N, C-alpha and C. Protein backbone atom coordinates (compact mmCIF):
# COMPACT_ATOMS: atom_id res chain seq x y z
N UNK A 1 36.52 -25.18 203.40
CA UNK A 1 37.27 -26.06 202.81
C UNK A 1 37.52 -25.00 201.60
N UNK A 2 38.86 -24.73 200.95
CA UNK A 2 39.61 -24.10 200.18
C UNK A 2 39.40 -24.53 198.85
N UNK A 3 39.25 -23.74 197.75
CA UNK A 3 38.70 -24.23 196.47
C UNK A 3 39.84 -23.27 195.91
N UNK A 4 40.73 -24.23 195.10
CA UNK A 4 41.61 -23.94 194.03
C UNK A 4 40.91 -24.32 192.44
N UNK A 5 40.87 -23.24 191.69
CA UNK A 5 40.42 -23.42 190.36
C UNK A 5 41.68 -23.46 189.25
N UNK A 6 41.43 -24.47 188.36
CA UNK A 6 42.55 -24.56 187.24
C UNK A 6 41.90 -24.19 185.80
N UNK A 7 42.47 -23.07 185.24
CA UNK A 7 41.79 -22.73 184.25
C UNK A 7 42.75 -22.74 183.36
N UNK A 8 42.54 -23.75 181.81
CA UNK A 8 43.27 -23.74 181.26
C UNK A 8 42.91 -24.03 179.83
N UNK A 9 43.45 -23.76 178.42
CA UNK A 9 43.10 -23.91 177.39
C UNK A 9 44.28 -25.35 176.86
N UNK A 10 43.84 -26.19 175.83
CA UNK A 10 44.39 -27.43 175.52
C UNK A 10 44.10 -27.71 174.31
N UNK A 11 45.09 -27.68 173.08
CA UNK A 11 45.02 -27.63 171.85
C UNK A 11 45.04 -28.89 171.25
N UNK A 12 46.07 -29.70 172.21
CA UNK A 12 46.03 -31.30 171.61
C UNK A 12 45.79 -32.35 172.37
N UNK A 13 45.66 -31.69 173.77
CA UNK A 13 45.11 -32.42 174.83
C UNK A 13 46.08 -32.60 175.99
N UNK A 14 47.55 -32.42 175.56
CA UNK A 14 48.62 -32.16 176.64
C UNK A 14 48.67 -31.30 177.58
N UNK A 15 47.77 -30.07 177.63
CA UNK A 15 47.70 -29.22 179.09
C UNK A 15 46.51 -29.72 179.69
N UNK A 16 45.57 -29.99 178.91
CA UNK A 16 44.76 -30.61 180.06
C UNK A 16 44.86 -31.98 180.64
N UNK A 17 46.05 -32.94 180.15
CA UNK A 17 46.71 -33.92 180.93
C UNK A 17 47.38 -33.50 182.15
N UNK A 18 47.97 -32.33 182.17
CA UNK A 18 49.01 -31.71 182.90
C UNK A 18 48.10 -30.78 183.91
N UNK A 19 46.88 -30.02 183.74
CA UNK A 19 45.94 -29.94 184.34
C UNK A 19 45.20 -30.65 185.57
N UNK A 20 45.36 -31.92 184.84
CA UNK A 20 44.78 -33.00 185.83
C UNK A 20 45.91 -33.15 186.85
N UNK A 21 47.40 -33.15 186.50
CA UNK A 21 48.04 -33.63 187.53
C UNK A 21 48.46 -32.42 188.36
N UNK A 22 47.81 -31.28 188.22
CA UNK A 22 48.44 -30.02 188.98
C UNK A 22 47.03 -30.44 190.25
N UNK A 23 45.90 -30.70 189.81
CA UNK A 23 44.76 -30.70 190.61
C UNK A 23 44.82 -31.87 191.49
N UNK A 24 45.69 -33.17 191.11
CA UNK A 24 45.91 -34.36 191.83
C UNK A 24 46.83 -33.97 193.07
N UNK A 25 47.76 -32.77 192.83
CA UNK A 25 48.73 -32.30 193.64
C UNK A 25 48.00 -31.76 194.65
N UNK A 26 46.79 -30.81 194.62
CA UNK A 26 46.18 -29.92 195.10
C UNK A 26 45.13 -30.91 195.90
N UNK A 27 44.65 -31.72 195.62
CA UNK A 27 43.53 -32.73 196.23
C UNK A 27 44.51 -33.61 197.01
N UNK A 28 45.36 -33.74 196.93
CA UNK A 28 46.40 -34.33 198.14
C UNK A 28 46.64 -34.22 199.76
N UNK A 29 46.17 -32.67 199.38
CA UNK A 29 46.08 -32.13 200.55
C UNK A 29 44.64 -31.72 201.57
N UNK A 30 44.63 -32.01 202.73
CA UNK A 30 43.36 -32.37 203.01
C UNK A 30 42.81 -30.73 203.37
N UNK A 31 41.29 -30.76 203.38
CA UNK A 31 40.81 -29.14 203.14
C UNK A 31 40.90 -28.93 201.89
N UNK A 32 41.12 -29.44 200.73
CA UNK A 32 41.34 -28.72 199.45
C UNK A 32 40.43 -29.23 198.47
N UNK A 33 39.18 -28.28 197.64
CA UNK A 33 39.08 -29.55 196.66
C UNK A 33 39.32 -27.98 195.19
N UNK A 34 39.17 -28.69 194.12
CA UNK A 34 39.40 -28.20 192.72
C UNK A 34 38.39 -28.18 192.14
N UNK A 35 38.62 -27.40 191.11
CA UNK A 35 37.65 -27.35 189.99
C UNK A 35 38.76 -27.39 188.76
N UNK A 36 38.69 -28.04 187.66
CA UNK A 36 39.35 -27.81 186.28
C UNK A 36 38.37 -27.44 185.35
N UNK A 37 38.78 -26.37 184.71
CA UNK A 37 37.74 -25.46 183.96
C UNK A 37 38.67 -25.51 182.58
N UNK A 38 38.07 -25.86 181.39
CA UNK A 38 38.71 -25.96 180.35
C UNK A 38 37.99 -24.83 179.77
N UNK A 39 39.03 -24.09 178.71
CA UNK A 39 38.33 -22.68 177.95
C UNK A 39 38.06 -23.24 176.77
N UNK A 40 36.67 -23.16 176.26
CA UNK A 40 36.45 -23.78 174.90
C UNK A 40 35.80 -22.85 173.64
N UNK A 41 36.54 -23.03 172.60
CA UNK A 41 36.22 -22.34 171.64
C UNK A 41 35.07 -21.77 171.28
N UNK A 42 34.00 -22.52 172.23
CA UNK A 42 32.55 -22.15 171.86
C UNK A 42 32.28 -20.98 172.49
N UNK A 43 32.95 -20.77 173.68
CA UNK A 43 32.98 -19.39 174.40
C UNK A 43 33.61 -18.33 173.85
N UNK A 44 34.01 -18.46 172.57
CA UNK A 44 34.77 -17.47 172.13
C UNK A 44 33.94 -16.94 171.01
N UNK A 45 33.43 -15.83 170.94
CA UNK A 45 32.26 -15.09 169.92
C UNK A 45 32.90 -14.23 169.33
N UNK A 46 33.37 -13.94 168.40
CA UNK A 46 33.56 -12.30 167.23
C UNK A 46 35.10 -12.44 168.31
N UNK A 47 35.70 -13.48 168.63
CA UNK A 47 36.85 -13.20 169.04
C UNK A 47 37.01 -12.67 170.47
N UNK A 48 35.82 -12.93 171.29
CA UNK A 48 35.62 -12.47 172.53
C UNK A 48 35.07 -13.41 173.33
N UNK A 49 36.07 -14.09 174.57
CA UNK A 49 35.57 -14.79 175.37
C UNK A 49 34.31 -14.43 175.88
N UNK A 50 33.17 -14.79 176.38
CA UNK A 50 31.96 -14.84 177.04
C UNK A 50 31.52 -16.14 177.86
N UNK A 51 31.53 -16.16 179.05
CA UNK A 51 31.22 -17.33 179.83
C UNK A 51 31.23 -16.63 181.21
N UNK A 52 30.08 -16.16 181.71
CA UNK A 52 29.89 -15.47 183.22
C UNK A 52 30.28 -16.44 184.16
N UNK A 53 29.62 -17.70 183.69
CA UNK A 53 29.45 -18.63 184.77
C UNK A 53 31.04 -19.22 185.37
N UNK A 54 32.07 -19.06 184.01
CA UNK A 54 33.38 -19.51 184.68
C UNK A 54 33.75 -18.49 185.43
N UNK A 55 33.79 -17.15 184.85
CA UNK A 55 33.99 -15.79 185.35
C UNK A 55 33.88 -15.86 187.23
N UNK A 56 32.57 -16.12 187.30
CA UNK A 56 31.94 -16.29 188.58
C UNK A 56 32.47 -17.57 189.07
N UNK A 57 32.80 -18.32 188.59
CA UNK A 57 33.33 -20.11 189.73
C UNK A 57 34.66 -18.93 189.99
N UNK A 58 35.52 -18.53 188.76
CA UNK A 58 36.92 -17.93 189.71
C UNK A 58 37.17 -17.12 190.43
N UNK A 59 36.08 -16.20 190.58
CA UNK A 59 35.92 -14.96 191.61
C UNK A 59 35.63 -15.79 193.14
N UNK A 60 34.80 -16.79 193.01
CA UNK A 60 34.40 -17.62 194.18
C UNK A 60 35.73 -18.49 194.98
N UNK A 61 36.70 -18.60 194.05
CA UNK A 61 37.87 -19.20 194.43
C UNK A 61 38.99 -18.82 195.30
N UNK A 62 39.63 -19.47 196.23
CA UNK A 62 40.99 -18.91 197.02
C UNK A 62 41.89 -18.72 196.00
N UNK A 63 42.39 -19.82 195.22
CA UNK A 63 43.71 -19.49 194.35
C UNK A 63 42.82 -20.15 193.05
N UNK A 64 43.66 -19.31 192.03
CA UNK A 64 43.65 -19.86 190.80
C UNK A 64 44.97 -19.76 190.07
N UNK A 65 44.99 -21.10 189.31
CA UNK A 65 46.09 -21.78 188.45
C UNK A 65 45.99 -21.76 187.35
N UNK A 66 46.66 -20.82 186.28
CA UNK A 66 46.71 -20.79 184.87
C UNK A 66 47.52 -21.76 184.38
N UNK A 67 47.27 -22.16 182.94
CA UNK A 67 47.35 -23.01 181.98
C UNK A 67 47.35 -22.61 180.60
N UNK A 68 48.25 -23.21 179.92
CA UNK A 68 48.15 -23.02 178.45
C UNK A 68 49.31 -23.28 177.73
N UNK A 69 49.20 -24.28 176.73
CA UNK A 69 50.44 -24.57 175.74
C UNK A 69 51.12 -23.30 175.11
N UNK A 70 52.47 -23.27 175.08
CA UNK A 70 53.02 -22.40 174.36
C UNK A 70 53.34 -22.29 173.14
N UNK A 71 52.35 -21.42 172.12
CA UNK A 71 52.31 -21.34 170.88
C UNK A 71 53.05 -19.92 170.62
N UNK A 72 53.79 -19.96 169.71
CA UNK A 72 54.64 -19.13 168.86
C UNK A 72 55.30 -17.99 169.91
N UNK A 73 55.55 -18.80 171.24
CA UNK A 73 56.49 -18.13 171.95
C UNK A 73 55.27 -17.09 173.13
N UNK A 74 54.39 -17.83 173.51
CA UNK A 74 53.22 -17.04 174.11
C UNK A 74 52.00 -18.05 174.44
N UNK A 75 50.97 -17.43 175.03
CA UNK A 75 49.99 -17.96 175.46
C UNK A 75 49.23 -18.51 174.31
N UNK A 76 48.11 -19.23 174.21
CA UNK A 76 47.65 -19.50 172.92
C UNK A 76 46.18 -18.40 173.19
N UNK A 77 45.81 -18.00 171.92
CA UNK A 77 44.70 -17.35 171.41
C UNK A 77 43.55 -17.36 172.24
N UNK A 78 43.08 -18.63 172.52
CA UNK A 78 41.88 -18.54 173.50
C UNK A 78 42.07 -18.44 174.72
N UNK A 79 43.44 -18.67 175.37
CA UNK A 79 43.28 -17.82 176.58
C UNK A 79 43.91 -16.71 176.89
N UNK A 80 44.12 -16.01 175.69
CA UNK A 80 44.05 -14.69 175.79
C UNK A 80 43.10 -13.80 175.90
N UNK A 81 42.08 -14.40 175.28
CA UNK A 81 40.54 -13.98 174.86
C UNK A 81 40.16 -14.09 176.13
N UNK A 82 40.32 -15.59 176.92
CA UNK A 82 39.84 -15.25 178.54
C UNK A 82 40.28 -14.20 179.35
N UNK A 83 41.62 -14.02 179.15
CA UNK A 83 42.40 -13.11 180.51
C UNK A 83 41.61 -11.54 179.78
N UNK A 84 41.63 -11.14 178.70
CA UNK A 84 40.78 -10.31 178.14
C UNK A 84 39.66 -9.79 178.68
N UNK A 85 38.95 -10.93 178.84
CA UNK A 85 37.27 -10.84 179.11
C UNK A 85 37.60 -10.95 180.95
N UNK A 86 38.69 -11.29 181.67
CA UNK A 86 38.62 -11.36 182.97
C UNK A 86 38.68 -9.59 183.56
N UNK A 87 38.62 -8.49 182.46
CA UNK A 87 38.71 -7.57 183.20
C UNK A 87 37.28 -6.99 184.07
N UNK A 88 36.07 -7.82 183.66
CA UNK A 88 35.00 -7.48 184.57
C UNK A 88 35.49 -8.12 186.11
N UNK A 89 36.22 -8.61 186.63
CA UNK A 89 36.71 -9.16 187.60
C UNK A 89 37.74 -8.03 188.44
N UNK A 90 38.74 -7.91 187.29
CA UNK A 90 39.67 -7.13 187.92
C UNK A 90 38.96 -5.43 187.95
N UNK A 91 38.05 -5.21 187.38
CA UNK A 91 37.29 -3.64 188.00
C UNK A 91 36.77 -3.59 189.49
N UNK A 92 36.23 -4.64 189.82
CA UNK A 92 36.04 -4.65 191.37
C UNK A 92 37.29 -5.76 192.33
N UNK A 93 37.99 -5.87 191.49
CA UNK A 93 39.42 -6.56 191.98
C UNK A 93 38.70 -7.79 192.98
N UNK A 94 38.36 -8.40 192.25
CA UNK A 94 37.37 -10.05 192.87
C UNK A 94 38.83 -10.83 193.06
N UNK A 95 39.79 -10.78 192.09
CA UNK A 95 40.96 -11.78 192.55
C UNK A 95 42.05 -11.27 193.33
N UNK A 96 42.03 -10.06 193.94
CA UNK A 96 42.53 -9.58 194.24
C UNK A 96 42.91 -10.70 196.07
N UNK A 97 44.51 -10.30 196.19
CA UNK A 97 44.90 -11.43 197.13
C UNK A 97 44.43 -12.97 197.07
N UNK A 98 44.17 -12.79 195.85
CA UNK A 98 44.09 -14.92 195.63
C UNK A 98 45.38 -15.46 195.05
N UNK A 99 45.61 -16.82 195.59
CA UNK A 99 46.98 -17.09 194.81
C UNK A 99 47.07 -17.41 193.66
N UNK A 100 48.13 -17.08 193.21
CA UNK A 100 48.19 -17.53 191.66
C UNK A 100 49.23 -18.67 191.30
N UNK A 101 49.08 -19.21 190.31
CA UNK A 101 50.46 -19.73 189.52
C UNK A 101 50.26 -20.22 188.37
N UNK A 102 51.22 -21.09 187.41
CA UNK A 102 50.95 -21.33 186.30
C UNK A 102 51.53 -22.43 185.68
N UNK A 103 51.22 -23.47 184.59
CA UNK A 103 51.90 -24.31 183.90
C UNK A 103 51.83 -24.08 182.58
N UNK A 104 52.77 -24.53 181.55
CA UNK A 104 52.62 -24.57 180.02
C UNK A 104 53.35 -25.56 180.00
N UNK A 105 52.95 -25.99 178.36
CA UNK A 105 53.70 -27.15 177.52
C UNK A 105 54.10 -26.69 176.14
N UNK A 106 55.00 -27.37 176.09
CA UNK A 106 55.21 -27.13 174.10
C UNK A 106 56.29 -28.52 173.79
N UNK A 107 56.69 -28.37 172.50
CA UNK A 107 56.96 -29.60 172.24
C UNK A 107 58.58 -29.46 172.14
N UNK A 108 59.28 -28.70 172.58
CA UNK A 108 60.47 -28.74 172.55
C UNK A 108 61.34 -28.08 174.19
N UNK A 109 62.20 -28.28 174.42
CA UNK A 109 62.81 -28.19 175.84
C UNK A 109 62.88 -26.39 176.06
N UNK A 110 62.69 -25.80 175.34
CA UNK A 110 62.58 -24.09 175.60
C UNK A 110 61.35 -23.84 175.16
N UNK A 111 61.37 -23.66 173.53
CA UNK A 111 60.26 -23.11 173.21
C UNK A 111 59.63 -22.06 173.70
N UNK A 112 60.72 -21.11 174.10
CA UNK A 112 60.30 -19.88 174.82
C UNK A 112 58.67 -19.97 175.78
N UNK A 113 58.79 -21.11 176.62
CA UNK A 113 57.60 -21.23 177.66
C UNK A 113 57.80 -20.64 178.91
N UNK A 114 58.93 -19.92 178.95
CA UNK A 114 58.82 -18.82 180.14
C UNK A 114 58.12 -17.72 179.78
N UNK A 115 58.27 -17.31 178.24
CA UNK A 115 57.03 -16.02 177.83
C UNK A 115 55.71 -16.19 178.56
N UNK A 116 55.57 -17.50 178.27
CA UNK A 116 54.03 -17.84 178.75
C UNK A 116 54.15 -17.53 180.39
N UNK A 117 54.97 -18.56 181.07
CA UNK A 117 55.03 -18.13 182.39
C UNK A 117 54.75 -16.59 182.97
N UNK A 118 55.65 -15.59 182.44
CA UNK A 118 55.33 -14.24 182.45
C UNK A 118 54.39 -13.51 182.39
N UNK A 119 53.86 -14.23 181.07
CA UNK A 119 52.45 -13.69 180.63
C UNK A 119 51.50 -14.01 181.96
N UNK A 120 51.62 -14.95 182.32
CA UNK A 120 50.43 -15.64 183.50
C UNK A 120 50.94 -14.59 184.84
N UNK A 121 52.11 -14.54 184.81
CA UNK A 121 52.65 -13.61 186.09
C UNK A 121 52.14 -12.16 185.94
N UNK A 122 52.24 -11.49 184.79
CA UNK A 122 51.39 -10.25 184.89
C UNK A 122 50.00 -10.05 184.78
N UNK A 123 49.40 -11.35 184.64
CA UNK A 123 47.94 -11.21 184.35
C UNK A 123 47.85 -11.07 185.89
N UNK A 124 48.30 -12.15 186.77
CA UNK A 124 47.72 -12.35 188.32
C UNK A 124 48.51 -10.67 188.97
N UNK A 125 49.79 -10.25 188.49
CA UNK A 125 50.12 -8.96 188.92
C UNK A 125 48.91 -7.57 188.83
N UNK A 126 48.20 -7.60 187.77
CA UNK A 126 47.28 -6.97 187.10
C UNK A 126 45.81 -6.87 188.26
N UNK A 127 45.97 -8.50 188.50
CA UNK A 127 45.06 -8.62 189.21
C UNK A 127 44.94 -8.41 190.86
N UNK A 128 45.91 -7.75 190.91
CA UNK A 128 46.26 -8.01 192.87
C UNK A 128 46.61 -9.14 193.12
N UNK A 129 46.91 -10.68 192.50
CA UNK A 129 46.82 -11.65 193.15
C UNK A 129 48.56 -11.53 193.72
N UNK A 130 48.66 -12.85 194.42
CA UNK A 130 49.37 -13.35 194.69
C UNK A 130 50.37 -14.39 194.34
N UNK A 131 51.45 -14.40 192.98
CA UNK A 131 51.87 -15.17 192.55
C UNK A 131 52.75 -16.39 193.36
N UNK A 132 53.06 -17.34 193.08
CA UNK A 132 53.68 -18.45 193.77
C UNK A 132 54.31 -19.22 193.00
N UNK A 133 55.85 -19.44 192.95
CA UNK A 133 56.77 -20.30 192.18
C UNK A 133 56.35 -21.44 192.33
N UNK A 134 57.29 -21.98 191.83
CA UNK A 134 57.17 -23.50 191.38
C UNK A 134 58.09 -24.10 193.00
N UNK A 135 59.14 -23.58 193.61
CA UNK A 135 59.54 -23.87 194.66
C UNK A 135 60.55 -25.12 194.76
N UNK A 136 60.73 -25.21 193.10
CA UNK A 136 61.59 -26.65 193.40
C UNK A 136 63.04 -26.37 192.29
N UNK A 137 64.45 -27.26 192.99
CA UNK A 137 65.25 -26.65 192.34
C UNK A 137 65.26 -27.16 191.07
N UNK A 138 65.76 -26.76 190.34
CA UNK A 138 66.08 -27.70 188.93
C UNK A 138 66.67 -28.74 188.78
N UNK A 139 66.14 -30.08 187.88
CA UNK A 139 66.60 -30.95 187.35
C UNK A 139 67.30 -31.98 188.60
N UNK A 140 66.40 -32.52 189.25
CA UNK A 140 66.51 -33.01 190.72
C UNK A 140 66.65 -34.22 190.23
N UNK A 141 67.53 -35.35 190.86
CA UNK A 141 67.72 -36.80 190.28
C UNK A 141 66.54 -37.23 190.17
N UNK A 142 65.64 -37.05 191.05
CA UNK A 142 64.11 -38.08 191.09
C UNK A 142 63.21 -37.01 189.44
N UNK A 143 63.67 -36.15 188.81
CA UNK A 143 63.37 -35.87 187.57
C UNK A 143 62.41 -34.76 187.73
N UNK A 144 62.23 -34.13 188.99
CA UNK A 144 61.48 -32.88 189.29
C UNK A 144 61.60 -31.92 189.04
N UNK A 145 61.15 -30.96 188.17
CA UNK A 145 61.52 -30.15 187.64
C UNK A 145 62.69 -30.10 186.54
N UNK A 146 62.64 -31.08 185.35
CA UNK A 146 63.41 -31.60 184.78
C UNK A 146 64.04 -30.10 183.59
N UNK A 147 62.75 -29.47 183.10
CA UNK A 147 63.59 -28.61 182.46
C UNK A 147 63.72 -27.07 182.68
N UNK A 148 64.13 -27.13 184.29
CA UNK A 148 64.57 -25.81 184.90
C UNK A 148 64.14 -24.56 185.16
N UNK A 149 62.70 -24.67 185.62
CA UNK A 149 61.75 -23.74 185.69
C UNK A 149 61.63 -22.99 187.34
N UNK A 150 61.63 -21.55 187.36
CA UNK A 150 61.27 -21.56 188.65
C UNK A 150 60.11 -20.91 189.09
N UNK A 151 59.66 -19.94 187.56
CA UNK A 151 58.31 -19.31 187.65
C UNK A 151 56.94 -20.24 187.76
N UNK A 152 57.24 -21.35 187.31
CA UNK A 152 55.85 -22.24 187.18
C UNK A 152 56.29 -23.68 186.69
N UNK A 153 55.73 -24.32 186.22
CA UNK A 153 55.88 -25.67 185.98
C UNK A 153 56.08 -25.52 184.02
N UNK A 154 56.98 -26.05 183.63
CA UNK A 154 57.33 -26.22 182.16
C UNK A 154 56.96 -27.77 181.83
N UNK A 155 56.60 -27.86 180.71
CA UNK A 155 56.50 -29.40 180.29
C UNK A 155 57.11 -29.90 179.06
N UNK A 156 57.22 -30.75 178.75
CA UNK A 156 57.54 -31.20 177.53
C UNK A 156 56.88 -32.23 176.63
N UNK A 157 56.28 -31.93 175.29
CA UNK A 157 55.51 -33.22 174.96
C UNK A 157 56.09 -33.84 173.68
N UNK A 158 56.14 -34.93 173.45
CA UNK A 158 57.13 -35.51 172.05
C UNK A 158 55.99 -34.86 170.84
N UNK A 159 56.85 -33.47 170.34
CA UNK A 159 55.93 -32.70 169.20
C UNK A 159 55.49 -33.72 167.96
N UNK A 160 55.88 -34.84 167.95
CA UNK A 160 55.70 -35.78 166.87
C UNK A 160 54.60 -36.92 167.67
N UNK A 161 54.29 -36.49 168.75
CA UNK A 161 53.46 -37.94 168.88
C UNK A 161 51.79 -37.07 169.13
N UNK A 162 51.02 -38.40 168.74
CA UNK A 162 49.42 -38.01 168.33
C UNK A 162 48.86 -38.44 169.66
N UNK A 163 49.57 -38.83 170.77
CA UNK A 163 48.69 -39.49 172.13
C UNK A 163 49.10 -37.64 172.78
N UNK A 164 49.83 -36.99 172.53
CA UNK A 164 50.29 -36.06 173.80
C UNK A 164 50.43 -36.27 174.94
N UNK A 165 51.16 -37.69 174.77
CA UNK A 165 51.77 -37.98 176.62
C UNK A 165 52.58 -37.18 177.22
N UNK A 166 52.30 -37.35 178.84
CA UNK A 166 53.36 -36.51 179.31
C UNK A 166 54.38 -37.18 180.04
N UNK A 167 55.60 -36.55 180.11
CA UNK A 167 56.71 -37.38 180.66
C UNK A 167 56.24 -37.42 182.59
N UNK A 168 56.55 -38.58 182.69
CA UNK A 168 56.19 -38.99 183.91
C UNK A 168 57.05 -38.17 184.97
N UNK A 169 57.69 -37.12 184.66
CA UNK A 169 58.96 -36.26 185.52
C UNK A 169 57.97 -35.01 185.50
N UNK A 170 57.47 -34.74 184.43
CA UNK A 170 56.67 -33.63 184.45
C UNK A 170 55.20 -33.74 185.03
N UNK A 171 54.71 -34.94 185.15
CA UNK A 171 53.67 -34.94 185.76
C UNK A 171 53.67 -34.63 187.22
N UNK A 172 54.78 -35.29 187.83
CA UNK A 172 55.64 -35.21 189.19
C UNK A 172 55.53 -33.89 189.51
N UNK A 173 56.05 -33.02 188.41
CA UNK A 173 56.55 -31.46 188.60
C UNK A 173 55.13 -30.74 188.91
N UNK A 174 54.19 -31.34 188.00
CA UNK A 174 52.97 -30.71 188.22
C UNK A 174 52.13 -31.03 189.84
N UNK A 175 52.11 -32.13 189.67
CA UNK A 175 51.67 -32.26 190.81
C UNK A 175 52.45 -31.62 192.34
N UNK A 176 53.79 -31.29 192.21
CA UNK A 176 54.06 -30.64 193.39
C UNK A 176 53.77 -29.33 193.30
N UNK A 177 53.53 -28.95 192.02
CA UNK A 177 52.91 -27.27 192.18
C UNK A 177 51.70 -27.22 192.62
N UNK A 178 50.49 -28.04 192.17
CA UNK A 178 49.31 -28.39 193.23
C UNK A 178 49.31 -28.14 194.62
N UNK A 179 50.22 -29.18 195.02
CA UNK A 179 50.22 -29.41 196.23
C UNK A 179 50.85 -28.10 197.10
N UNK A 180 51.89 -27.24 196.33
CA UNK A 180 52.29 -26.19 197.02
C UNK A 180 51.24 -25.04 197.02
N UNK A 181 50.60 -24.75 196.08
CA UNK A 181 49.44 -23.67 196.28
C UNK A 181 48.51 -24.23 197.40
N UNK A 182 47.96 -25.59 197.04
CA UNK A 182 47.22 -25.79 198.41
C UNK A 182 47.54 -25.60 199.60
N UNK A 183 48.92 -25.96 199.53
CA UNK A 183 49.50 -25.69 200.96
C UNK A 183 49.62 -24.12 201.75
N UNK A 184 50.12 -23.59 200.55
CA UNK A 184 49.78 -21.91 200.95
C UNK A 184 48.42 -21.38 200.99
N UNK A 185 47.57 -21.97 200.58
CA UNK A 185 46.38 -21.47 200.74
C UNK A 185 45.75 -21.64 201.84
N UNK A 186 46.15 -22.81 202.20
CA UNK A 186 45.50 -23.24 203.76
C UNK A 186 46.09 -22.15 204.78
N UNK A 187 47.84 -22.16 204.65
CA UNK A 187 48.00 -21.06 205.60
C UNK A 187 47.40 -19.79 205.76
N UNK A 188 47.14 -19.32 204.46
CA UNK A 188 46.63 -17.94 204.03
C UNK A 188 45.43 -17.92 204.82
N UNK A 189 44.50 -18.61 204.84
CA UNK A 189 42.73 -19.29 205.58
C UNK A 189 43.12 -19.23 206.90
N UNK A 190 44.36 -19.23 207.68
CA UNK A 190 44.26 -19.62 209.09
C UNK A 190 44.67 -18.43 209.62
């Protein structure tokens, strides 16, 4: 069984919902299991992320998909604290050759979300991972990739909404990313 981990931070709940859609897409492929891991503020002590159980779970995964809202043109501080702590996995190259992908959300069409996806990409490259793009044409008639991203999933929520609901097209795009990672993970294992 292939194990895909989806690790994310969510401030208002929208990123958590997007993580669930990515997981739904991945588990639609036979032979795939996912684990969704939320980065919790309680695991950040004096500015440092400390959760060896989470890092061990990621070390044992076949693929890791990163998620964070885009805040002020980049990943949330909580995600950055987690990424800094991943140096313990980097030292022994525990994520080397694993698949990697990413998703982000903000309240505006651009919101500098590409900076967040680039951060995920750089993190993956430092770990020796293999980055998998979204692989979908932009602005498709069925709504897929409505914000026109190639590096990963970009989603937009109504910044004035208290519910943080996801647009149906963004949900579909998230599912397609999860499915793409799952299909490639199976190919690599064969």
